[in-house]
Amino acid sequence: MALGEGCPAAYAPLEELMRRRLGRECLYVPSCRLGLYLALRHWCRPGGRVLMSPVNDDVIFFVVLAAGLRPVQAPLRAEDGSIDVAAVPDAAWQGLSAVLTTNLYGNPDQAPGLREHCDRLGVPLLEDAAHAIGSVVGGQPVGTFGEASVFSLSKHTGARTGGFLAIADPSLRSALERARDELMEPAGSVAELAYGLRPYAEAAVRGLRLVGAARATLRLTGRQEREGIRMALRPGELEQALTAAPALADFTSWIRVDMHDYRLAPGPLRLRRTQRLLSRLDGLLEAYRAGVRTLSASRWALPRPGPVQPLFRVPLFVGDRDAAVAALARRRITVGYLYDPPLDTYAGPHFTDPSPAPQGAAWFARHALPVDPLRADTVLEVLDELGSRPVRPPARIVAAQPAMQGGTGV
């Protein structure tokens, strides 16, 4: 096997960069979603229940199902979409196999409180830090509270490939590495070439204002896998797939959405580009923080205590989100990472345990406008021109929530 084509030694420079950042053993994975599947399979027995956020990517929901586990939707804080630890009823804590954080848009979940509950219950805390590679809680990096955490290199770095599975116990590395290698698909020259050309092709499409035409082509060729915010659930097919779980292959049509190479071993080009981008991460995080400061000072942001986090997206809260999305699109700013409706509404009680207090998640999912902090000035200009009206969570929702702990804000 050639170096850089699924060879573990080729991943060592990337892993060392992340190891120094976290102070934890880090295992390179082709994608965050594959890393999460590995973690769930290692720490949870099939048939178990996993507490998670209902405002989350549906891909993550299908990863949990593919691991043979039952998603349990948690109450959320309307202000930031984080798990509302105090609002989870005692009955929901009982019988859990794991707790899975989201750290939505980079805003940390209440990791110390979740860690305390997990320790008392004797279950693992797993952290999805895809949006939170630079976020901290009490001076401690997100991704260092749980038994394991997963990171994405497709977000802040813009590598469009790769991620990490970080683990508290380094003695588990060999077993997880073997499991990863069994699930990865071999690198191919066509896929590697397509990866190398993709940034130039996308730049040309944007420069020529052909985004609409490109999307139409994807729809015509069957590559457009989402007609709306959520992908099609296809309950009949999902029911059949569940009979085979845990089994990743049976869920591929859902899990690969937006990333068909999520299991692909990286070739030399991917690894070189990813290492170059990851080595520049600290400078990028400063740019994100600067944009977060600008957006957080606007009338559409909710005030948050604690240090400025390098959020991947900043949730602004507007009265007519659809109009704001359309206005931003006219300025060639795409609003992604929308998770509306919440997963319990999307999937229904047949496939998930619904949240016992869904109001906070429903409000956040409907009104949050997640915008790129690197485009902060243009975003605010567009919202001003549109006359977009800021909104706040209804008093009845906020009153039902306990006071927010410090140190988790933007």
Protein backbone atom coordinates (compact mmCIF):
# COMPACT_ATOMS: atom_id res chain seq x y z
CA MET A 1 0.00 0.00 0.00
CA ALA A 2 1.50 3.35 -1.04
CA LEU A 3 2.12 5.97 1.61
CA GLY A 4 -0.91 8.23 1.80
CA GLU A 5 -3.35 5.63 0.49
CA GLY A 6 -4.93 4.33 3.65
CA CYS A 7 -1.52 3.95 5.32
CA PRO A 8 -1.72 4.87 9.04
CA ALA A 9 1.81 6.31 9.02
CA ALA A 10 0.66 8.95 6.55
CA TYR A 11 -1.86 10.26 9.08
CA ALA A 12 0.74 10.81 11.82
CA PRO A 13 1.52 14.51 11.04
CA LEU A 14 -2.17 15.41 11.14
CA GLU A 15 -2.74 13.42 14.32
CA GLU A 16 0.22 15.09 16.01
CA LEU A 17 -1.12 18.57 15.20
CA MET A 18 -4.44 17.70 16.81
CA ARG A 19 -2.83 15.84 19.71
CA ARG A 20 -0.85 18.94 20.67
CA ARG A 21 -4.03 21.03 20.50
CA LEU A 22 -6.16 18.75 22.70
CA GLY A 23 -3.64 16.91 24.85
CA ARG A 24 -5.39 13.68 23.88
CA GLU A 25 -4.74 10.71 21.65
CA CYS A 26 -6.20 11.50 18.21
CA LEU A 27 -7.07 9.08 15.45
CA TYR A 28 -7.51 10.40 11.92
CA VAL A 29 -10.82 9.43 10.30
CA PRO A 30 -12.10 10.20 6.77
CA SER A 31 -15.08 12.09 8.23
CA CYS A 32 -16.62 13.15 11.50
CA ARG A 33 -19.65 10.95 10.82
CA LEU A 34 -17.49 7.84 10.46
CA GLY A 35 -15.63 8.77 13.64
CA LEU A 36 -18.93 9.05 15.50
CA TYR A 37 -20.04 5.66 14.23
CA LEU A 38 -16.78 4.15 15.49
CA ALA A 39 -17.29 5.75 18.91
CA LEU A 40 -20.90 4.62 19.24
CA ARG A 41 -20.04 1.06 18.23
CA HIS A 42 -17.14 0.90 20.67
CA TRP A 43 -18.82 2.44 23.74
CA CYS A 44 -22.47 1.38 23.30
CA ARG A 45 -24.06 -2.03 22.95
CA PRO A 46 -26.73 -2.40 20.25
CA GLY A 47 -30.20 -1.73 21.56
CA GLY A 48 -29.08 1.05 23.87
CA ARG A 49 -30.45 4.58 24.17
CA VAL A 50 -28.49 7.76 23.45
CA LEU A 51 -29.50 11.19 24.75
CA MET A 52 -28.88 13.78 22.03
CA SER A 53 -30.02 17.14 20.70
CA PRO A 54 -33.06 17.35 18.41
CA VAL A 55 -31.55 20.40 16.66
CA ASN A 56 -28.86 18.52 14.83
CA ASP A 57 -27.94 17.33 11.36
CA ASP A 58 -30.16 14.45 10.29
CA VAL A 59 -27.00 12.60 9.15
CA ILE A 60 -26.02 12.29 12.83
CA PHE A 61 -29.47 10.90 13.62
CA PHE A 62 -28.96 8.18 11.01
CA VAL A 63 -25.47 7.41 12.33
CA VAL A 64 -26.99 6.74 15.75
CA LEU A 65 -29.60 4.45 14.19
CA ALA A 66 -26.96 2.69 12.10
CA ALA A 67 -25.05 1.88 15.29
CA GLY A 68 -28.12 -0.01 16.49
CA LEU A 69 -29.10 2.62 19.05
CA ARG A 70 -32.30 4.47 19.93
CA PRO A 71 -32.06 8.29 19.82
CA VAL A 72 -33.55 10.06 22.85
CA GLN A 73 -34.20 13.74 22.20
CA ALA A 74 -33.22 16.17 24.96
CA PRO A 75 -34.80 19.50 25.93
CA LEU A 76 -32.83 22.48 24.60
CA ARG A 77 -32.23 26.03 25.71
CA ALA A 78 -34.05 28.37 23.32
CA GLU A 79 -31.25 30.95 23.58
CA ASP A 80 -28.46 28.86 22.10
CA GLY A 81 -29.72 25.39 21.19
CA SER A 82 -27.61 23.63 23.85
CA ILE A 83 -28.86 20.66 25.87
CA ASP A 84 -30.77 21.94 28.90
CA VAL A 85 -29.27 19.60 31.49
CA ALA A 86 -31.61 20.65 34.32
CA ALA A 87 -34.71 20.13 32.16
CA VAL A 88 -33.96 16.47 31.37
CA PRO A 89 -36.37 14.50 33.60
CA ASP A 90 -35.00 11.84 35.92
CA ALA A 91 -36.76 9.11 33.95
CA ALA A 92 -34.92 10.09 30.76
CA TRP A 93 -31.51 9.67 32.42
CA GLN A 94 -32.29 6.12 33.45
CA GLY A 95 -31.26 3.33 31.09
CA LEU A 96 -29.06 5.49 28.85
CA SER A 97 -26.10 3.94 27.08
CA ALA A 98 -24.44 7.30 26.33
CA VAL A 99 -24.92 11.04 26.15
CA LEU A 100 -23.99 12.74 22.87
CA THR A 101 -23.32 16.48 22.81
CA THR A 102 -23.71 18.68 19.71
CA ASN A 103 -21.95 21.97 20.57
CA LEU A 104 -24.19 23.55 17.98
CA TYR A 105 -22.40 26.03 15.70
CA GLY A 106 -19.48 25.89 18.17
CA ASN A 107 -21.44 27.04 21.22
CA PRO A 108 -20.52 24.52 23.92
CA ASP A 109 -23.05 22.29 25.57
CA GLN A 110 -22.92 22.27 29.35
CA ALA A 111 -20.16 19.66 29.41
CA PRO A 112 -19.36 19.81 33.15
CA GLY A 113 -22.99 19.16 34.07
CA LEU A 114 -23.32 16.38 31.50
CA ARG A 115 -20.04 14.87 32.70
CA GLU A 116 -21.39 14.82 36.26
CA HIS A 117 -24.56 13.00 35.19
CA CYS A 118 -22.61 10.49 33.10
CA ASP A 119 -20.25 9.74 35.97
CA ARG A 120 -23.17 9.18 38.32
CA LEU A 121 -24.90 6.89 35.81
CA GLY A 122 -21.73 5.11 34.71
CA VAL A 123 -22.28 5.86 31.01
CA PRO A 124 -19.90 7.45 28.47
CA LEU A 125 -20.05 11.07 27.39
CA LEU A 126 -19.39 11.41 23.67
CA GLU A 127 -18.77 14.87 22.23
CA ASP A 128 -19.64 15.89 18.70
CA ALA A 129 -17.25 18.78 18.23
CA ALA A 130 -17.64 19.13 14.46
CA HIS A 131 -18.52 22.83 14.84
CA ALA A 132 -16.37 23.43 17.92
CA ILE A 133 -12.72 22.80 17.12
CA GLY A 134 -11.64 25.96 18.97
CA SER A 135 -14.37 26.34 21.60
CA VAL A 136 -13.66 26.11 25.33
CA VAL A 137 -15.57 25.59 28.58
CA GLY A 138 -13.93 26.95 31.70
CA GLY A 139 -10.61 27.16 29.89
CA GLN A 140 -10.81 23.50 28.80
CA PRO A 141 -11.18 22.65 25.10
CA VAL A 142 -14.46 21.19 23.92
CA GLY A 143 -13.71 17.58 23.10
CA THR A 144 -11.75 16.87 26.30
CA PHE A 145 -14.64 16.18 28.67
CA GLY A 146 -15.89 12.87 27.32
CA GLU A 147 -14.56 9.38 26.82
CA ALA A 148 -14.37 10.29 23.13
CA SER A 149 -14.99 13.22 20.84
CA VAL A 150 -15.21 13.69 17.09
CA PHE A 151 -13.98 16.64 15.06
CA SER A 152 -14.53 17.67 11.45
CA LEU A 153 -11.92 19.19 9.15
CA SER A 154 -14.65 20.17 6.71
CA LYS A 155 -15.77 23.13 8.83
CA HIS A 156 -13.34 25.75 10.16
CA THR A 157 -10.36 24.58 8.11
CA GLY A 158 -12.37 24.17 4.89
CA ALA A 159 -10.52 20.97 4.01
CA ARG A 160 -13.77 19.35 2.81
CA THR A 161 -12.50 16.00 4.05
CA GLY A 162 -11.26 14.26 7.16
CA GLY A 163 -11.68 14.51 10.89
CA PHE A 164 -10.51 13.05 14.18
CA LEU A 165 -11.68 10.69 16.84
CA ALA A 166 -10.06 11.88 20.08
CA ILE A 167 -10.01 9.49 23.04
CA ALA A 168 -9.32 9.87 26.75
CA ASP A 169 -7.75 6.40 27.08
CA PRO A 170 -4.81 6.01 24.66
CA SER A 171 -4.73 2.24 25.21
CA LEU A 172 -7.88 2.02 23.06
CA ARG A 173 -6.16 3.44 20.00
CA SER A 174 -5.13 0.12 18.41
CA ALA A 175 -8.62 -1.38 18.62
CA LEU A 176 -10.25 1.76 17.22
CA GLU A 177 -7.64 2.02 14.48
CA ARG A 178 -8.38 -1.54 13.37
CA ALA A 179 -12.12 -0.85 13.39
CA ARG A 180 -11.57 2.33 11.33
CA ASP A 181 -9.45 0.53 8.76
CA GLU A 182 -12.08 -2.18 8.34
CA LEU A 183 -14.72 0.45 7.53
CA MET A 184 -12.67 2.63 5.18
CA GLU A 185 -12.90 2.27 1.43
CA PRO A 186 -9.71 2.38 -0.67
CA ALA A 187 -8.60 5.63 -2.22
CA GLY A 188 -9.16 6.02 -5.96
CA SER A 189 -7.40 8.18 -8.50
CA VAL A 190 -10.69 9.56 -9.88
CA ALA A 191 -11.92 10.59 -6.43
CA GLU A 192 -8.53 12.14 -5.63
CA LEU A 193 -8.54 14.12 -8.88
CA ALA A 194 -12.10 15.31 -8.25
CA TYR A 195 -11.08 16.44 -4.78
CA GLY A 196 -8.15 18.38 -6.18
CA LEU A 197 -10.24 20.12 -8.82
CA ARG A 198 -13.27 20.86 -6.66
CA PRO A 199 -12.11 24.20 -5.14
CA TYR A 200 -11.29 25.59 -8.58
CA ALA A 201 -14.57 24.39 -10.07
CA GLU A 202 -16.56 25.91 -7.21
CA ALA A 203 -14.71 29.20 -7.52
CA ALA A 204 -15.47 29.29 -11.25
CA VAL A 205 -19.16 28.57 -10.64
CA ARG A 206 -19.38 31.38 -8.10
CA GLY A 207 -17.40 33.78 -10.26
CA LEU A 208 -19.61 33.15 -13.27
CA ARG A 209 -22.77 33.33 -11.13
CA LEU A 210 -23.76 29.82 -12.18
CA VAL A 211 -24.77 28.52 -8.75
CA GLY A 212 -28.44 28.18 -9.75
CA ALA A 213 -27.55 26.33 -12.94
CA ALA A 214 -25.21 24.02 -11.03
CA ARG A 215 -27.95 23.13 -8.55
CA ALA A 216 -30.40 22.48 -11.37
CA THR A 217 -27.89 20.11 -12.95
CA LEU A 218 -27.51 18.24 -9.67
CA ARG A 219 -31.27 17.81 -9.46
CA LEU A 220 -31.49 16.53 -13.03
CA THR A 221 -28.70 14.01 -12.48
CA GLY A 222 -30.09 12.79 -9.17
CA ARG A 223 -27.21 14.20 -7.12
CA GLN A 224 -29.40 16.76 -5.33
CA GLU A 225 -30.28 14.74 -2.23
CA ARG A 226 -32.18 17.38 -0.28
CA GLU A 227 -35.25 19.15 -1.57
CA GLY A 228 -35.61 21.02 1.71
CA ILE A 229 -33.67 21.45 4.92
CA ARG A 230 -34.13 17.82 5.95
CA MET A 231 -33.47 14.88 3.66
CA ALA A 232 -36.34 12.53 2.89
CA LEU A 233 -36.89 10.14 5.82
CA ARG A 234 -38.19 7.26 3.66
CA PRO A 235 -39.75 5.47 6.66
CA GLY A 236 -40.43 2.18 4.88
CA GLU A 237 -36.81 1.81 3.79
CA LEU A 238 -35.61 2.99 7.19
CA GLU A 239 -37.72 0.39 8.95
CA GLN A 240 -36.11 -2.29 6.80
CA ALA A 241 -32.60 -0.95 7.44
CA LEU A 242 -33.19 -1.04 11.20
CA THR A 243 -33.63 -4.82 11.05
CA ALA A 244 -29.97 -5.08 10.01
CA ALA A 245 -28.54 -2.58 12.53
CA PRO A 246 -25.85 -2.26 13.62
CA ALA A 247 -24.72 -2.21 10.00
CA LEU A 248 -23.29 0.86 8.34
CA ALA A 249 -23.83 -0.28 4.75
CA ASP A 250 -27.61 -0.49 5.13
CA PHE A 251 -27.74 3.19 6.12
CA THR A 252 -25.31 4.50 3.52
CA SER A 253 -27.98 6.22 1.40
CA TRP A 254 -28.75 8.49 4.38
CA ILE A 255 -25.31 8.82 5.97
CA ARG A 256 -23.48 9.72 2.75
CA VAL A 257 -25.74 12.71 1.99
CA ASP A 258 -23.62 15.82 1.28
CA MET A 259 -20.45 13.69 1.57
CA HIS A 260 -20.31 10.60 -0.60
CA ASP A 261 -16.65 10.01 0.27
CA TYR A 262 -17.25 9.86 4.02
CA ARG A 263 -15.54 6.42 4.21
CA LEU A 264 -12.85 7.03 1.62
CA ALA A 265 -9.21 6.59 2.62
CA PRO A 266 -7.34 9.80 1.80
CA GLY A 267 -4.77 10.01 -0.95
CA PRO A 268 -1.61 12.13 -0.84
CA LEU A 269 -3.32 15.24 -2.22
CA ARG A 270 -6.03 15.20 0.45
CA LEU A 271 -3.49 14.69 3.20
CA ARG A 272 -1.16 17.45 2.02
CA ARG A 273 -3.94 19.99 1.63
CA THR A 274 -5.53 19.03 4.94
CA GLN A 275 -2.25 19.30 6.82
CA ARG A 276 -1.57 22.71 5.30
CA LEU A 277 -5.00 24.00 6.28
CA LEU A 278 -4.90 22.52 9.78
CA SER A 279 -1.51 24.10 10.43
CA ARG A 280 -3.13 27.52 9.79
CA LEU A 281 -6.03 26.89 12.16
CA ASP A 282 -5.05 29.33 14.90
CA GLY A 283 -5.09 32.26 12.49
CA LEU A 284 -8.45 31.15 11.14
CA LEU A 285 -9.90 30.89 14.63
CA GLU A 286 -8.89 34.49 15.33
CA ALA A 287 -10.72 35.57 12.18
CA TYR A 288 -13.79 33.66 13.33
CA ARG A 289 -13.65 35.31 16.76
CA ALA A 290 -13.47 38.75 15.15
CA GLY A 291 -16.59 38.01 13.11
CA VAL A 292 -18.37 36.62 16.16
CA ARG A 293 -17.69 39.86 18.05
CA THR A 294 -19.17 41.90 15.21
CA LEU A 295 -22.28 39.75 14.86
CA SER A 296 -22.79 39.44 18.63
CA ALA A 297 -22.97 43.22 18.92
CA SER A 298 -25.86 43.39 16.45
CA ARG A 299 -29.52 43.69 17.40
CA TRP A 300 -30.25 40.23 15.94
CA ALA A 301 -27.96 38.41 18.38
CA LEU A 302 -28.86 37.24 21.85
CA PRO A 303 -26.47 38.30 24.62
CA ARG A 304 -24.26 35.49 25.85
CA PRO A 305 -21.97 35.35 28.91
CA GLY A 306 -18.47 33.99 28.90
CA PRO A 307 -15.52 34.21 26.49
CA VAL A 308 -15.84 34.88 22.79
CA GLN A 309 -15.91 31.52 21.03
CA PRO A 310 -14.71 31.02 17.45
CA LEU A 311 -18.17 29.91 16.35
CA PHE A 312 -18.42 28.18 13.00
CA ARG A 313 -21.78 29.87 12.54
CA VAL A 314 -23.42 32.60 14.64
CA PRO A 315 -27.16 32.16 15.19
CA LEU A 316 -28.95 35.45 14.65
CA PHE A 317 -32.68 35.57 15.36
CA VAL A 318 -34.97 37.08 12.76
CA GLY A 319 -38.71 37.28 12.34
CA ASP A 320 -38.81 36.21 8.69
CA ARG A 321 -35.93 33.82 8.18
CA ASP A 322 -36.98 32.77 4.69
CA ALA A 323 -36.79 36.37 3.49
CA ALA A 324 -33.39 36.80 5.12
CA VAL A 325 -32.08 33.60 3.52
CA ALA A 326 -33.28 34.78 0.10
CA ALA A 327 -31.76 38.25 0.54
CA LEU A 328 -28.41 36.76 1.56
CA ALA A 329 -28.50 34.38 -1.42
CA ARG A 330 -28.82 37.38 -3.74
CA ARG A 331 -25.47 38.51 -2.33
CA ARG A 332 -24.08 35.01 -2.91
CA ILE A 333 -24.11 34.09 0.78
CA THR A 334 -25.54 30.62 1.30
CA VAL A 335 -27.20 29.94 4.64
CA GLY A 336 -26.65 26.30 5.53
CA TYR A 337 -26.64 24.25 8.71
CA LEU A 338 -30.35 24.81 9.28
CA TYR A 339 -31.94 22.03 11.35
CA ASP A 340 -35.65 22.68 11.11
CA PRO A 341 -37.83 20.91 12.15
CA PRO A 342 -36.26 19.25 15.22
CA LEU A 343 -35.46 15.56 14.86
CA ASP A 344 -38.40 14.33 16.95
CA THR A 345 -40.82 16.20 14.68
CA TYR A 346 -38.93 15.07 11.58
CA ALA A 347 -38.68 11.37 12.47
CA GLY A 348 -41.67 10.86 14.77
CA PRO A 349 -41.98 8.65 17.85
CA HIS A 350 -41.56 5.43 15.87
CA PHE A 351 -37.87 6.17 15.29
CA THR A 352 -36.94 8.30 18.30
CA ASP A 353 -38.01 9.14 21.83
CA PRO A 354 -39.42 12.70 21.62
CA SER A 355 -38.21 15.51 23.83
CA PRO A 356 -40.24 15.89 27.04
CA ALA A 357 -40.05 19.68 26.60
CA PRO A 358 -39.87 20.45 22.86
CA GLN A 359 -40.69 24.18 22.93
CA GLY A 360 -37.13 25.49 23.21
CA ALA A 361 -35.86 23.36 20.34
CA ALA A 362 -38.83 24.22 18.14
CA TRP A 363 -38.37 27.96 18.65
CA PHE A 364 -34.63 27.85 18.08
CA ALA A 365 -34.91 25.67 14.97
CA ARG A 366 -37.51 27.98 13.41
CA HIS A 367 -35.87 31.35 14.10
CA ALA A 368 -32.10 30.81 14.16
CA LEU A 369 -30.30 32.21 11.12
CA PRO A 370 -26.81 30.64 11.27
CA VAL A 371 -24.41 32.97 9.44
CA ASP A 372 -20.74 32.75 8.64
CA PRO A 373 -18.72 35.08 10.91
CA LEU A 374 -16.21 35.54 8.11
CA ARG A 375 -18.96 37.36 6.18
CA ALA A 376 -20.16 39.37 9.19
CA ASP A 377 -20.11 42.86 7.67
CA THR A 378 -21.98 41.84 4.53
CA VAL A 379 -24.54 39.84 6.52
CA LEU A 380 -25.36 42.81 8.74
CA GLU A 381 -25.58 45.10 5.73
CA VAL A 382 -28.09 42.76 4.06
CA LEU A 383 -30.24 42.45 7.18
CA ASP A 384 -30.24 46.22 7.59
CA GLU A 385 -31.29 46.76 3.97
CA LEU A 386 -34.02 44.14 4.36
CA GLY A 387 -35.32 45.74 7.54
CA SER A 388 -35.23 42.33 9.19
CA ARG A 389 -36.97 42.28 12.55
CA PRO A 390 -35.10 40.74 15.52
CA VAL A 391 -37.03 38.26 17.65
CA ARG A 392 -36.57 36.86 21.14
CA PRO A 393 -37.75 33.62 22.75
CA PRO A 394 -41.22 33.91 24.31
CA ALA A 395 -41.14 34.57 28.03
CA ARG A 396 -43.01 31.34 28.74
CA ILE A 397 -40.14 29.31 27.22
CA VAL A 398 -37.35 31.21 28.94
CA ALA A 399 -39.17 31.19 32.27
CA ALA A 400 -39.35 27.42 32.15
CA GLN A 401 -35.57 27.15 31.86
CA PRO A 402 -33.08 27.38 34.73
CA ALA A 403 -30.54 30.20 34.80
CA MET A 404 -27.73 29.69 32.31
CA GLN A 405 -24.33 28.72 33.59
CA GLY A 406 -21.52 31.10 32.74
CA GLY A 407 -18.71 30.35 30.34
CA THR A 408 -20.75 28.84 27.56
CA GLY A 409 -21.57 31.86 25.47
CA VAL A 410 -20.32 33.66 22.41
